[in-house]
N, C-alpha and C. Protein backbone atom coordinates (compact mmCIF):
# COMPACT_ATOMS: atom_id res chain seq x y z
N MET A 1 5.18 5.69 -4.59
CA MET A 1 4.09 4.53 -4.64
C MET A 1 3.94 5.17 -2.13
N VAL A 2 3.16 5.49 -1.91
CA VAL A 2 3.26 5.29 -0.66
C VAL A 2 2.90 4.40 0.21
N PHE A 3 3.16 3.60 0.77
CA PHE A 3 2.31 2.35 2.08
C PHE A 3 2.41 3.70 3.48
N ALA A 4 0.24 3.51 3.25
CA ALA A 4 -0.23 4.36 4.46
C ALA A 4 -0.26 3.26 5.40
N LEU A 5 0.59 3.19 6.55
CA LEU A 5 -0.14 2.64 8.02
C LEU A 5 -1.09 2.91 9.29
N GLU A 6 -2.00 2.22 9.16
CA GLU A 6 -3.09 2.53 10.36
C GLU A 6 -2.94 1.83 11.42
N GLY A 7 -2.87 1.72 12.85
CA GLY A 7 -3.02 0.82 13.57
C GLY A 7 -1.78 1.17 13.92
N GLY A 8 -1.14 0.59 15.08
CA GLY A 8 0.21 0.69 15.75
C GLY A 8 0.87 2.12 16.03
N PRO A 9 1.46 2.03 15.41
CA PRO A 9 2.94 3.32 15.10
C PRO A 9 2.05 4.26 14.19
N GLY A 10 1.39 3.72 12.42
CA GLY A 10 0.91 4.43 11.80
C GLY A 10 1.93 5.25 11.35
N GLY A 11 1.38 6.18 10.26
CA GLY A 11 2.59 6.80 9.48
C GLY A 11 2.72 6.19 7.79
N ALA A 12 3.08 6.68 7.48
CA ALA A 12 3.28 6.53 5.85
C ALA A 12 4.98 6.41 5.89
N ILE A 13 5.37 5.72 4.74
CA ILE A 13 6.52 5.40 4.53
C ILE A 13 6.08 5.69 2.76
N ALA A 14 7.08 6.26 1.86
CA ALA A 14 7.25 6.59 0.82
C ALA A 14 7.59 6.03 -0.05
N VAL A 15 7.89 5.29 -1.38
CA VAL A 15 9.64 4.31 -1.63
C VAL A 15 8.85 5.00 -3.29
N GLU A 16 9.96 5.43 -4.00
CA GLU A 16 10.54 6.02 -4.50
C GLU A 16 11.08 4.76 -6.07
N VAL A 17 10.09 4.54 -7.11
CA VAL A 17 10.50 3.21 -8.17
C VAL A 17 10.96 3.24 -9.50
N ALA A 18 12.22 3.66 -9.74
CA ALA A 18 12.50 4.28 -10.76
C ALA A 18 13.48 3.69 -11.07
N GLY A 19 13.73 2.27 -11.63
CA GLY A 19 14.69 1.42 -11.87
C GLY A 19 14.33 0.01 -10.43
N ARG A 20 15.68 0.64 -9.03
CA ARG A 20 15.55 0.01 -8.42
C ARG A 20 14.88 0.62 -7.15
N ALA A 21 14.20 0.38 -6.37
CA ALA A 21 12.74 0.87 -5.52
C ALA A 21 13.86 1.25 -4.68
N ARG A 22 13.56 2.46 -3.56
CA ARG A 22 14.21 2.80 -2.56
C ARG A 22 13.24 3.67 -1.88
N VAL A 23 13.19 3.54 -0.46
CA VAL A 23 12.02 4.62 0.55
C VAL A 23 13.12 5.69 0.06
N VAL A 24 12.51 7.06 0.25
CA VAL A 24 12.37 8.37 0.11
C VAL A 24 12.10 9.05 1.24
N GLU A 25 12.97 10.42 1.67
CA GLU A 25 11.71 11.08 2.95
C GLU A 25 10.65 11.26 2.61
N ASP A 26 10.18 12.32 1.19
CA ASP A 26 9.37 12.76 1.35
C ASP A 26 8.22 12.47 0.80
N ILE A 27 6.79 12.22 1.76
CA ILE A 27 5.45 12.10 0.82
C ILE A 27 5.06 12.61 0.43
N PRO A 28 4.85 11.66 -0.81
CA PRO A 28 4.19 13.09 -1.79
C PRO A 28 2.56 13.20 -2.17
N ASP A 29 1.52 14.21 -2.08
CA ASP A 29 -0.24 14.29 -1.71
C ASP A 29 -0.73 13.22 -2.33
N GLN A 30 -0.36 13.25 -4.22
CA GLN A 30 -0.31 12.52 -4.53
C GLN A 30 0.26 11.36 -5.52
N PRO A 31 0.69 10.44 -4.59
CA PRO A 31 1.23 9.60 -5.13
C PRO A 31 0.63 9.09 -6.12
N THR A 32 1.75 7.79 -6.98
CA THR A 32 0.95 6.94 -8.13
C THR A 32 0.08 5.90 -7.28
N VAL A 33 0.52 5.21 -6.43
CA VAL A 33 -0.11 4.14 -5.91
C VAL A 33 -0.64 4.48 -4.48
N ARG A 34 -0.98 4.68 -3.79
CA ARG A 34 -0.92 4.75 -2.22
C ARG A 34 -1.81 2.83 -1.90
N VAL A 35 -0.96 2.75 -0.83
CA VAL A 35 -1.86 1.28 0.18
C VAL A 35 -1.87 1.28 0.81
N ILE A 36 -3.45 1.16 1.71
CA ILE A 36 -3.70 1.77 3.09
C ILE A 36 -3.77 0.08 3.66
N LEU A 37 -2.88 0.06 4.77
CA LEU A 37 -3.23 -1.01 5.55
C LEU A 37 -2.48 -1.20 7.24
N PRO A 38 -3.84 -1.97 7.50
CA PRO A 38 -3.43 -2.13 8.98
C PRO A 38 -1.73 -2.10 9.46
N PHE A 39 -1.26 -1.90 10.29
CA PHE A 39 0.29 -2.10 10.51
C PHE A 39 0.98 -3.15 10.49
N GLU A 40 0.41 -4.11 11.32
CA GLU A 40 0.55 -5.44 11.72
C GLU A 40 0.33 -6.60 10.04
N ALA A 41 -0.30 -6.24 9.13
CA ALA A 41 -0.01 -6.70 7.45
C ALA A 41 0.90 -6.33 6.97
N PHE A 42 1.10 -4.86 6.83
CA PHE A 42 2.46 -3.95 6.45
C PHE A 42 3.91 -5.30 6.98
N ILE A 43 3.90 -5.55 8.36
CA ILE A 43 5.06 -6.36 9.09
C ILE A 43 4.27 -7.88 8.48
N ALA A 44 3.84 -7.98 8.64
CA ALA A 44 3.34 -9.60 8.14
C ALA A 44 4.11 -9.89 6.47
N LEU A 45 3.52 -8.92 5.66
CA LEU A 45 4.02 -9.21 4.41
C LEU A 45 5.20 -8.81 4.25
N GLY A 46 5.46 -7.68 5.04
CA GLY A 46 7.28 -7.64 4.85
C GLY A 46 8.37 -9.28 5.44
N GLY A 47 7.58 -9.72 5.96
CA GLY A 47 8.52 -10.06 6.75
C GLY A 47 7.93 -12.06 5.91
N GLY A 48 7.33 -11.78 5.21
CA GLY A 48 6.99 -13.03 4.31
C GLY A 48 5.53 -14.00 5.18
N ARG A 49 5.05 -13.64 6.30
CA ARG A 49 4.51 -14.38 7.39
C ARG A 49 2.70 -14.30 6.59
N CYS A 50 2.38 -13.10 5.20
CA CYS A 50 1.60 -13.58 5.10
C CYS A 50 1.49 -13.21 3.59
N GLY A 51 0.77 -13.59 2.76
CA GLY A 51 0.07 -13.31 1.49
C GLY A 51 -0.62 -12.04 1.05
N ALA A 52 -0.88 -11.44 -0.60
CA ALA A 52 -2.12 -10.31 -0.81
C ALA A 52 -3.30 -10.82 -0.30
N ASP A 53 -3.75 -11.52 -0.89
CA ASP A 53 -5.31 -12.48 0.00
C ASP A 53 -5.28 -11.91 1.49
N GLU A 54 -4.37 -13.02 2.02
CA GLU A 54 -4.36 -12.21 4.09
C GLU A 54 -4.68 -10.58 4.21
N ALA A 55 -3.74 -9.81 3.72
CA ALA A 55 -3.21 -8.40 4.08
C ALA A 55 -4.55 -7.94 3.09
N ILE A 56 -5.24 -8.00 2.01
CA ILE A 56 -6.74 -7.86 1.83
C ILE A 56 -8.01 -7.93 2.92
N ALA A 57 -7.94 -8.89 3.15
CA ALA A 57 -9.08 -9.91 4.16
C ALA A 57 -8.65 -8.88 5.16
N ALA A 58 -7.77 -8.32 5.70
CA ALA A 58 -7.43 -7.62 6.86
C ALA A 58 -7.37 -6.32 6.82
N GLY A 59 -8.20 -6.07 5.80
CA GLY A 59 -8.29 -4.36 5.16
C GLY A 59 -7.36 -3.56 4.29
N THR A 60 -6.15 -4.34 3.85
CA THR A 60 -5.36 -3.49 2.68
C THR A 60 -6.35 -3.30 1.79
N ARG A 61 -6.45 -2.14 1.13
CA ARG A 61 -6.73 -0.72 -0.06
C ARG A 61 -6.16 -0.50 -0.98
N ILE A 62 -6.11 0.48 -2.10
CA ILE A 62 -5.09 0.12 -2.59
C ILE A 62 -5.74 1.71 -3.58
N GLU A 63 -5.30 2.49 -3.90
CA GLU A 63 -5.21 3.44 -4.40
C GLU A 63 -5.00 4.24 -5.65
N GLY A 64 -4.98 4.23 -6.65
CA GLY A 64 -3.78 4.69 -7.98
C GLY A 64 -3.66 3.83 -8.93
N ASP A 65 -2.97 3.88 -9.80
CA ASP A 65 -3.11 3.23 -11.14
C ASP A 65 -2.68 1.60 -10.83
N ASP A 66 -4.25 1.46 -11.75
CA ASP A 66 -3.75 0.05 -12.08
C ASP A 66 -2.65 -0.77 -12.13
N GLU A 67 -1.97 -0.97 -13.15
CA GLU A 67 -0.86 -1.01 -13.43
C GLU A 67 -0.23 -1.39 -12.36
N LEU A 68 0.63 -0.58 -11.76
CA LEU A 68 1.01 -0.46 -10.72
C LEU A 68 0.45 -1.05 -9.41
N ALA A 69 -0.69 -1.12 -9.60
CA ALA A 69 -1.47 -1.77 -7.92
C ALA A 69 -1.86 -3.50 -7.83
N VAL A 70 -1.53 -4.44 -6.65
CA VAL A 70 -1.53 -5.64 -6.33
C VAL A 70 -2.52 -6.14 -7.82
N ASP A 71 -2.52 -7.26 -8.56
CA ASP A 71 -3.01 -7.70 -9.33
C ASP A 71 -4.36 -6.97 -9.70
N GLY A 72 -3.74 -5.95 -10.78
CA GLY A 72 -4.39 -5.15 -11.50
C GLY A 72 -5.03 -4.70 -10.56
N GLY A 73 -5.20 -4.19 -9.04
CA GLY A 73 -5.94 -3.53 -8.28
C GLY A 73 -7.14 -3.14 -7.80
N GLU A 74 -7.80 -4.80 -8.69
CA GLU A 74 -9.38 -5.52 -8.86
C GLU A 74 -9.96 -5.63 -7.73
N VAL A 75 -9.10 -5.98 -6.44
CA VAL A 75 -9.17 -6.46 -4.67
C VAL A 75 -8.79 -5.41 -4.16
N GLY A 76 -10.03 -5.24 -3.36
CA GLY A 76 -9.57 -3.99 -2.53
C GLY A 76 -9.45 -2.57 -2.88
N ARG A 77 -9.45 -2.37 -4.04
CA ARG A 77 -9.19 -0.92 -4.66
C ARG A 77 -10.54 -0.35 -4.36
N VAL A 78 -10.03 1.06 -3.68
CA VAL A 78 -10.76 1.86 -3.71
C VAL A 78 -10.89 2.91 -4.90
N ASP A 79 -11.71 3.64 -5.25
CA ASP A 79 -12.75 4.14 -6.47
C ASP A 79 -12.89 5.43 -5.72
N ASP A 80 -12.85 6.56 -6.64
CA ASP A 80 -12.58 7.53 -6.76
C ASP A 80 -13.56 7.87 -5.81
N ASP A 81 -14.96 7.56 -5.45
CA ASP A 81 -15.95 7.45 -5.19
C ASP A 81 -15.61 7.19 -3.26
N GLY A 82 -14.64 6.66 -3.36
CA GLY A 82 -13.86 6.20 -2.18
C GLY A 82 -14.49 5.16 -1.48
N ALA A 83 -15.08 4.14 -2.52
CA ALA A 83 -16.46 2.83 -2.20
C ALA A 83 -15.64 1.34 -2.74
């Protein structure tokens, strides 16, 4: 899973989920799930200051495996055609 951060310092954070999740250094080109979100939404989610609905309203998008994505990936999902 990769968190791609927009705005602020930007960048990406890769997390390997094999049993217990952990941050890894290598950012895969084709992660199973990519969560693209504003830096501020990432900080707010991590700090418990907003929920998924608020993060999605702020512009969070999800690409990849629906089973691993929030709420099955229906809200905020980016389809293969980029829509």
